[in-house]
Amino acid sequence: MPNSIPDDRIVVQNARRAVAAELRKKKILEQPIAKYDPKTGKVFMEHSDGTKVEVGETRRGRYSERRK
């Protein structure tokens, strides 16, 4: 069955491999990597020299509570 739909585990595994490959590529090319700290809700860029620059912050609360 060459036209079968792949199992979810295979799709997730391939997605994780793609993300890991992209992160390795960015480290080799010394490009900044966007990271998120779930404890503080801050979004920052981590550069190859170890410096971190905050670029944003997430909103807290549910969408229905923020919407007016």
Protein backbone atom coordinates (compact mmCIF):
# COMPACT_ATOMS: atom_id res chain seq x y z
CA MET A 1 0.00 0.00 0.00
CA PRO A 2 2.23 2.85 -1.20
CA ASN A 3 -0.54 5.46 -0.80
CA SER A 4 -1.26 4.73 2.86
CA ILE A 5 -1.33 7.45 5.50
CA PRO A 6 1.71 7.28 7.85
CA ASP A 7 1.23 6.59 11.52
CA ASP A 8 1.24 9.61 13.87
CA ARG A 9 4.36 8.33 15.61
CA ILE A 10 6.29 8.43 12.34
CA VAL A 11 5.11 11.97 11.58
CA VAL A 12 6.10 13.18 15.07
CA GLN A 13 9.46 11.42 14.85
CA ASN A 14 10.20 13.03 11.48
CA ALA A 15 9.17 16.46 12.77
CA ARG A 16 11.50 16.13 15.77
CA ARG A 17 14.37 15.08 13.51
CA ALA A 18 13.73 18.08 11.25
CA VAL A 19 13.78 20.49 14.20
CA ALA A 20 16.98 18.93 15.59
CA ALA A 21 18.65 19.20 12.17
CA GLU A 22 17.63 22.84 11.83
CA LEU A 23 19.00 23.68 15.29
CA ARG A 24 22.32 21.97 14.44
CA LYS A 25 22.46 23.93 11.19
CA LYS A 26 21.86 27.25 12.99
CA LYS A 27 24.59 26.48 15.52
CA ILE A 28 27.07 25.65 12.75
CA LEU A 29 26.22 28.85 10.85
CA GLU A 30 26.32 30.85 14.13
CA GLN A 31 22.80 32.16 13.68
CA PRO A 32 20.64 33.16 16.67
CA ILE A 33 18.06 30.67 17.93
CA ALA A 34 14.69 31.79 19.26
CA LYS A 35 13.85 30.28 22.65
CA TYR A 36 10.93 30.50 25.05
CA ASP A 37 11.02 30.35 28.85
CA PRO A 38 7.68 28.93 30.04
CA LYS A 39 8.28 29.98 33.66
CA THR A 40 8.66 33.69 32.91
CA GLY A 41 6.75 33.79 29.61
CA LYS A 42 9.65 35.58 27.90
CA VAL A 43 10.77 35.02 24.32
CA PHE A 44 14.43 35.68 23.56
CA MET A 45 17.11 35.18 20.92
CA GLU A 46 20.17 33.23 21.99
CA HIS A 47 23.30 34.07 19.97
CA SER A 48 26.24 31.76 19.32
CA ASP A 49 28.42 33.68 21.80
CA GLY A 50 25.94 32.92 24.60
CA THR A 51 24.27 36.32 24.83
CA LYS A 52 20.50 36.45 25.15
CA VAL A 53 18.33 39.30 23.88
CA GLU A 54 14.70 39.49 24.96
CA VAL A 55 12.41 40.03 21.98
CA GLY A 56 8.95 39.55 23.43
CA GLU A 57 6.62 38.32 26.10
CA THR A 58 3.60 36.06 26.00
CA ARG A 59 0.20 37.05 27.23
CA ARG A 60 -1.17 35.26 30.24
CA GLY A 61 -4.72 34.04 30.64
CA ARG A 62 -7.23 32.49 28.34
CA TYR A 63 -8.12 33.96 24.98
CA SER A 64 -11.73 34.45 26.01
CA GLU A 65 -10.59 36.50 29.01
CA ARG A 66 -8.35 38.76 26.88
CA ARG A 67 -10.96 39.33 24.20
CA LYS A 68 -13.32 42.25 24.71
